[in-house]
Amino acid sequence: MGYLFEHGDETIWAPSMRVGRWYVHAVEGLEREIGQPAGVRDNHDDFIYIDRDVLDAFIRAVVSSGLYRHPVGNSLLSGVVVVSLELLRRSGGDIELICAEVGVPIDEIDAVFRGMPQ
């Protein structure tokens, strides 16, 4: 059993329950820390709904925060940012500009998600 991350009526990611839950908890912590919603809504029924525009703004807020620019903060946040960028891409968002701005190669995102079902 896993979490289903959905945008519209399409499942865009179906990680294991533990991975999905960890990602959601990490995002919720970041929402509190930076004071901005992530557009990742958990309905507590194993479905997570992605609001593409809100997620885009959230990613931009995270990567422009002092926490992301701090070496240790960057290490702590980089996995969440990579997953968020992939969810943004799978929901139809354009990630090229954000990736260029923050120095995350799209190849890095592709490598993390290679072979993982959508």
N, C-alpha and C. Protein backbone atom coordinates (compact mmCIF):
# COMPACT_ATOMS: atom_id res chain seq x y z
N MET A 1 0.86 -1.18 0.00
CA MET A 1 0.00 0.00 0.00
C MET A 1 0.89 1.23 0.00
N GLY A 2 0.54 2.22 -0.79
CA GLY A 2 1.32 3.43 -0.84
C GLY A 2 0.45 4.66 -0.84
N TYR A 3 1.12 5.77 -0.85
CA TYR A 3 0.43 7.05 -1.01
C TYR A 3 0.25 7.30 -2.50
N LEU A 4 -0.81 7.97 -2.85
CA LEU A 4 -1.04 8.37 -4.23
C LEU A 4 -1.03 9.89 -4.29
N PHE A 5 -0.07 10.44 -5.01
CA PHE A 5 0.01 11.88 -5.20
C PHE A 5 -0.70 12.19 -6.51
N GLU A 6 -1.69 13.06 -6.43
CA GLU A 6 -2.52 13.31 -7.60
C GLU A 6 -2.58 14.78 -7.94
N HIS A 7 -2.69 15.02 -9.23
CA HIS A 7 -2.93 16.37 -9.76
C HIS A 7 -4.09 16.22 -10.73
N GLY A 8 -5.16 16.95 -10.48
CA GLY A 8 -6.37 16.74 -11.28
C GLY A 8 -6.86 15.33 -11.03
N ASP A 9 -7.10 14.60 -12.09
CA ASP A 9 -7.56 13.22 -11.93
C ASP A 9 -6.47 12.21 -12.29
N GLU A 10 -5.22 12.66 -12.27
CA GLU A 10 -4.10 11.80 -12.64
C GLU A 10 -3.18 11.54 -11.45
N THR A 11 -2.80 10.28 -11.25
CA THR A 11 -1.80 9.93 -10.26
C THR A 11 -0.44 10.24 -10.85
N ILE A 12 0.32 11.12 -10.16
CA ILE A 12 1.62 11.53 -10.70
C ILE A 12 2.79 10.90 -9.95
N TRP A 13 2.53 10.30 -8.79
CA TRP A 13 3.57 9.60 -8.05
C TRP A 13 2.91 8.66 -7.07
N ALA A 14 3.45 7.45 -6.95
CA ALA A 14 2.88 6.46 -6.04
C ALA A 14 4.01 5.79 -5.24
N PRO A 15 4.62 6.54 -4.31
CA PRO A 15 5.71 5.96 -3.51
C PRO A 15 5.16 5.02 -2.45
N SER A 16 6.06 4.32 -1.78
CA SER A 16 5.65 3.49 -0.65
C SER A 16 5.04 4.41 0.42
N MET A 17 4.30 3.81 1.32
CA MET A 17 3.65 4.57 2.39
C MET A 17 4.68 5.34 3.21
N ARG A 18 5.78 4.71 3.57
CA ARG A 18 6.79 5.36 4.41
C ARG A 18 7.45 6.53 3.69
N VAL A 19 7.81 6.35 2.43
CA VAL A 19 8.45 7.43 1.67
C VAL A 19 7.48 8.58 1.48
N GLY A 20 6.25 8.26 1.10
CA GLY A 20 5.24 9.30 0.92
C GLY A 20 4.96 10.07 2.19
N ARG A 21 4.84 9.35 3.29
CA ARG A 21 4.57 9.99 4.58
C ARG A 21 5.75 10.88 4.99
N TRP A 22 6.99 10.40 4.79
CA TRP A 22 8.17 11.20 5.14
C TRP A 22 8.19 12.49 4.33
N TYR A 23 7.93 12.40 3.04
CA TYR A 23 7.92 13.59 2.21
C TYR A 23 6.86 14.59 2.70
N VAL A 24 5.66 14.12 2.95
CA VAL A 24 4.58 15.00 3.42
C VAL A 24 4.95 15.66 4.74
N HIS A 25 5.51 14.91 5.67
CA HIS A 25 5.91 15.50 6.96
C HIS A 25 7.01 16.54 6.78
N ALA A 26 7.97 16.26 5.90
CA ALA A 26 9.04 17.22 5.64
C ALA A 26 8.48 18.51 5.06
N VAL A 27 7.55 18.38 4.12
CA VAL A 27 6.93 19.56 3.51
C VAL A 27 6.12 20.34 4.55
N GLU A 28 5.39 19.64 5.40
CA GLU A 28 4.61 20.32 6.44
C GLU A 28 5.53 21.11 7.37
N GLY A 29 6.68 20.55 7.71
CA GLY A 29 7.64 21.27 8.54
C GLY A 29 8.17 22.51 7.84
N LEU A 30 8.45 22.39 6.57
CA LEU A 30 8.93 23.55 5.80
C LEU A 30 7.84 24.61 5.67
N GLU A 31 6.60 24.19 5.51
CA GLU A 31 5.49 25.16 5.46
C GLU A 31 5.50 26.02 6.72
N ARG A 32 5.63 25.37 7.87
CA ARG A 32 5.65 26.11 9.15
C ARG A 32 6.88 27.00 9.23
N GLU A 33 8.02 26.50 8.80
CA GLU A 33 9.29 27.24 8.92
C GLU A 33 9.31 28.49 8.05
N ILE A 34 8.84 28.38 6.81
CA ILE A 34 8.92 29.54 5.92
C ILE A 34 7.60 30.30 5.82
N GLY A 35 6.55 29.75 6.42
CA GLY A 35 5.27 30.46 6.45
C GLY A 35 4.56 30.53 5.11
N GLN A 36 4.72 29.49 4.32
CA GLN A 36 4.08 29.47 3.00
C GLN A 36 3.51 28.08 2.74
N PRO A 37 2.27 28.01 2.23
CA PRO A 37 1.70 26.70 1.91
C PRO A 37 2.45 26.05 0.75
N ALA A 38 2.44 24.71 0.74
CA ALA A 38 3.19 23.97 -0.27
C ALA A 38 2.32 23.49 -1.43
N GLY A 39 1.01 23.50 -1.25
CA GLY A 39 0.17 22.95 -2.31
C GLY A 39 0.17 21.43 -2.32
N VAL A 40 0.55 20.84 -1.21
CA VAL A 40 0.57 19.38 -1.05
C VAL A 40 -0.44 19.09 0.05
N ARG A 41 -1.66 18.72 -0.35
CA ARG A 41 -2.75 18.56 0.61
C ARG A 41 -3.01 17.08 0.89
N ASP A 42 -2.86 16.71 2.13
CA ASP A 42 -3.09 15.34 2.58
C ASP A 42 -4.53 15.24 3.07
N ASN A 43 -5.31 14.36 2.45
CA ASN A 43 -6.70 14.21 2.91
C ASN A 43 -6.82 13.09 3.94
N HIS A 44 -5.67 12.57 4.41
CA HIS A 44 -5.62 11.52 5.44
C HIS A 44 -6.32 10.25 5.00
N ASP A 45 -6.34 10.00 3.70
CA ASP A 45 -6.93 8.78 3.16
C ASP A 45 -6.01 8.20 2.10
N ASP A 46 -4.71 8.37 2.30
CA ASP A 46 -3.67 7.87 1.40
C ASP A 46 -3.65 8.57 0.04
N PHE A 47 -4.33 9.70 -0.08
CA PHE A 47 -4.28 10.50 -1.29
C PHE A 47 -3.73 11.87 -0.95
N ILE A 48 -2.78 12.32 -1.76
CA ILE A 48 -2.18 13.63 -1.59
C ILE A 48 -2.49 14.41 -2.87
N TYR A 49 -3.08 15.58 -2.71
CA TYR A 49 -3.45 16.39 -3.87
C TYR A 49 -2.43 17.51 -4.06
N ILE A 50 -1.98 17.66 -5.27
CA ILE A 50 -0.96 18.65 -5.61
C ILE A 50 -1.61 19.83 -6.31
N ASP A 51 -1.41 21.02 -5.76
CA ASP A 51 -1.81 22.26 -6.41
C ASP A 51 -0.55 22.82 -7.06
N ARG A 52 -0.46 22.69 -8.38
CA ARG A 52 0.76 23.02 -9.11
C ARG A 52 1.23 24.45 -8.87
N ASP A 53 0.35 25.41 -8.94
CA ASP A 53 0.76 26.82 -8.80
C ASP A 53 1.27 27.11 -7.39
N VAL A 54 0.61 26.54 -6.39
CA VAL A 54 1.04 26.75 -5.00
C VAL A 54 2.37 26.04 -4.77
N LEU A 55 2.53 24.84 -5.32
CA LEU A 55 3.79 24.11 -5.18
C LEU A 55 4.93 24.88 -5.84
N ASP A 56 4.69 25.45 -7.00
CA ASP A 56 5.71 26.26 -7.69
C ASP A 56 6.18 27.41 -6.79
N ALA A 57 5.23 28.14 -6.23
CA ALA A 57 5.57 29.27 -5.35
C ALA A 57 6.31 28.79 -4.10
N PHE A 58 5.90 27.64 -3.57
CA PHE A 58 6.55 27.07 -2.39
C PHE A 58 8.01 26.72 -2.68
N ILE A 59 8.26 26.05 -3.79
CA ILE A 59 9.63 25.68 -4.15
C ILE A 59 10.48 26.94 -4.27
N ARG A 60 9.96 27.95 -4.93
CA ARG A 60 10.72 29.20 -5.09
C ARG A 60 11.01 29.85 -3.73
N ALA A 61 10.04 29.78 -2.81
CA ALA A 61 10.25 30.35 -1.47
C ALA A 61 11.30 29.55 -0.70
N VAL A 62 11.28 28.24 -0.83
CA VAL A 62 12.26 27.40 -0.13
C VAL A 62 13.66 27.69 -0.64
N VAL A 63 13.83 27.70 -1.96
CA VAL A 63 15.19 27.86 -2.50
C VAL A 63 15.71 29.28 -2.36
N SER A 64 14.84 30.24 -2.13
CA SER A 64 15.31 31.61 -1.92
C SER A 64 15.49 31.92 -0.43
N SER A 65 15.15 30.96 0.42
CA SER A 65 15.27 31.17 1.87
C SER A 65 16.73 31.06 2.30
N GLY A 66 17.04 31.72 3.39
CA GLY A 66 18.37 31.63 3.96
C GLY A 66 18.73 30.21 4.34
N LEU A 67 17.74 29.43 4.73
CA LEU A 67 17.98 28.05 5.12
C LEU A 67 18.55 27.24 3.97
N TYR A 68 18.02 27.44 2.77
CA TYR A 68 18.50 26.68 1.60
C TYR A 68 19.91 27.13 1.21
N ARG A 69 20.23 28.39 1.43
CA ARG A 69 21.55 28.91 1.07
C ARG A 69 22.62 28.52 2.08
N HIS A 70 22.23 28.05 3.25
CA HIS A 70 23.17 27.60 4.27
C HIS A 70 23.66 26.20 3.88
N PRO A 71 24.96 25.90 3.99
CA PRO A 71 25.47 24.60 3.54
C PRO A 71 24.77 23.39 4.18
N VAL A 72 24.55 23.44 5.48
CA VAL A 72 23.88 22.32 6.14
C VAL A 72 22.39 22.32 5.79
N GLY A 73 21.78 23.50 5.77
CA GLY A 73 20.37 23.60 5.38
C GLY A 73 20.15 23.06 3.98
N ASN A 74 21.07 23.37 3.09
CA ASN A 74 20.96 22.89 1.71
C ASN A 74 21.00 21.36 1.67
N SER A 75 21.89 20.77 2.45
CA SER A 75 21.96 19.31 2.50
C SER A 75 20.67 18.71 3.03
N LEU A 76 20.11 19.33 4.05
CA LEU A 76 18.87 18.83 4.64
C LEU A 76 17.68 18.97 3.69
N LEU A 77 17.68 20.04 2.92
CA LEU A 77 16.52 20.34 2.07
C LEU A 77 16.60 19.79 0.65
N SER A 78 17.77 19.42 0.20
CA SER A 78 17.94 19.09 -1.22
C SER A 78 17.03 17.95 -1.68
N GLY A 79 16.85 16.91 -0.87
CA GLY A 79 15.97 15.82 -1.27
C GLY A 79 14.52 16.25 -1.41
N VAL A 80 14.07 17.07 -0.49
CA VAL A 80 12.69 17.58 -0.56
C VAL A 80 12.51 18.44 -1.80
N VAL A 81 13.52 19.26 -2.10
CA VAL A 81 13.45 20.13 -3.28
C VAL A 81 13.42 19.29 -4.55
N VAL A 82 14.26 18.25 -4.64
CA VAL A 82 14.29 17.40 -5.84
C VAL A 82 12.94 16.72 -6.04
N VAL A 83 12.37 16.15 -4.99
CA VAL A 83 11.06 15.48 -5.11
C VAL A 83 9.99 16.51 -5.49
N SER A 84 10.03 17.67 -4.88
CA SER A 84 9.04 18.71 -5.19
C SER A 84 9.14 19.16 -6.64
N LEU A 85 10.37 19.29 -7.12
CA LEU A 85 10.55 19.68 -8.53
C LEU A 85 9.98 18.61 -9.47
N GLU A 86 10.19 17.35 -9.14
CA GLU A 86 9.64 16.29 -9.98
C GLU A 86 8.11 16.28 -9.93
N LEU A 87 7.53 16.50 -8.76
CA LEU A 87 6.07 16.58 -8.68
C LEU A 87 5.56 17.76 -9.48
N LEU A 88 6.27 18.87 -9.43
CA LEU A 88 5.89 20.04 -10.23
C LEU A 88 5.93 19.69 -11.71
N ARG A 89 7.00 19.02 -12.14
CA ARG A 89 7.11 18.65 -13.56
C ARG A 89 6.00 17.68 -13.95
N ARG A 90 5.74 16.67 -13.12
CA ARG A 90 4.71 15.68 -13.45
C ARG A 90 3.31 16.28 -13.44
N SER A 91 3.14 17.39 -12.75
CA SER A 91 1.82 18.05 -12.74
C SER A 91 1.71 19.07 -13.88
N GLY A 92 2.72 19.13 -14.73
CA GLY A 92 2.66 20.01 -15.90
C GLY A 92 3.41 21.32 -15.74
N GLY A 93 4.12 21.47 -14.63
CA GLY A 93 4.88 22.70 -14.41
C GLY A 93 6.21 22.69 -15.14
N ASP A 94 6.72 23.87 -15.40
CA ASP A 94 8.01 24.02 -16.07
C ASP A 94 9.09 24.19 -15.01
N ILE A 95 10.04 23.26 -14.95
CA ILE A 95 11.05 23.31 -13.90
C ILE A 95 12.40 23.80 -14.39
N GLU A 96 12.56 24.01 -15.68
CA GLU A 96 13.88 24.37 -16.21
C GLU A 96 14.44 25.64 -15.59
N LEU A 97 13.63 26.68 -15.48
CA LEU A 97 14.10 27.95 -14.94
C LEU A 97 14.47 27.81 -13.46
N ILE A 98 13.62 27.16 -12.68
CA ILE A 98 13.91 26.98 -11.25
C ILE A 98 15.21 26.18 -11.10
N CYS A 99 15.35 25.09 -11.86
CA CYS A 99 16.55 24.27 -11.77
C CYS A 99 17.79 25.09 -12.09
N ALA A 100 17.71 25.93 -13.11
CA ALA A 100 18.86 26.77 -13.47
C ALA A 100 19.16 27.78 -12.37
N GLU A 101 18.12 28.35 -11.78
CA GLU A 101 18.31 29.36 -10.73
C GLU A 101 18.98 28.79 -9.49
N VAL A 102 18.65 27.56 -9.15
CA VAL A 102 19.17 26.98 -7.90
C VAL A 102 20.30 26.00 -8.12
N GLY A 103 20.64 25.76 -9.36
CA GLY A 103 21.76 24.87 -9.65
C GLY A 103 21.46 23.40 -9.45
N VAL A 104 20.21 23.01 -9.64
CA VAL A 104 19.85 21.59 -9.57
C VAL A 104 19.74 21.10 -11.01
N PRO A 105 20.68 20.28 -11.46
CA PRO A 105 20.59 19.78 -12.84
C PRO A 105 19.37 18.89 -13.02
N ILE A 106 18.68 19.06 -14.11
CA ILE A 106 17.51 18.22 -14.40
C ILE A 106 17.94 16.75 -14.45
N ASP A 107 19.17 16.49 -14.90
CA ASP A 107 19.68 15.12 -14.91
C ASP A 107 19.68 14.50 -13.52
N GLU A 108 19.91 15.31 -12.50
CA GLU A 108 19.90 14.81 -11.12
C GLU A 108 18.50 14.36 -10.73
N ILE A 109 17.51 15.13 -11.12
CA ILE A 109 16.12 14.76 -10.84
C ILE A 109 15.77 13.49 -11.60
N ASP A 110 16.16 13.44 -12.88
CA ASP A 110 15.90 12.25 -13.69
C ASP A 110 16.52 11.01 -13.07
N ALA A 111 17.75 11.14 -12.55
CA ALA A 111 18.45 10.00 -11.96
C ALA A 111 17.72 9.48 -10.72
N VAL A 112 17.20 10.38 -9.90
CA VAL A 112 16.49 9.98 -8.69
C VAL A 112 15.22 9.22 -9.05
N PHE A 113 14.52 9.66 -10.07
CA PHE A 113 13.22 9.08 -10.40
C PHE A 113 13.28 8.03 -11.51
N ARG A 114 14.45 7.77 -12.06
CA ARG A 114 14.60 6.78 -13.13
C ARG A 114 14.11 5.43 -12.61
N GLY A 115 13.22 4.85 -13.35
CA GLY A 115 12.72 3.53 -12.98
C GLY A 115 11.61 3.53 -11.94
N MET A 116 11.31 4.70 -11.39
CA MET A 116 10.23 4.76 -10.41
C MET A 116 8.91 5.02 -11.14
N PRO A 117 7.90 4.24 -10.84
CA PRO A 117 6.63 4.42 -11.55
C PRO A 117 6.01 5.78 -11.25
N GLN A 118 5.33 6.26 -12.26
CA GLN A 118 4.61 7.52 -12.09
C GLN A 118 3.35 7.22 -11.38
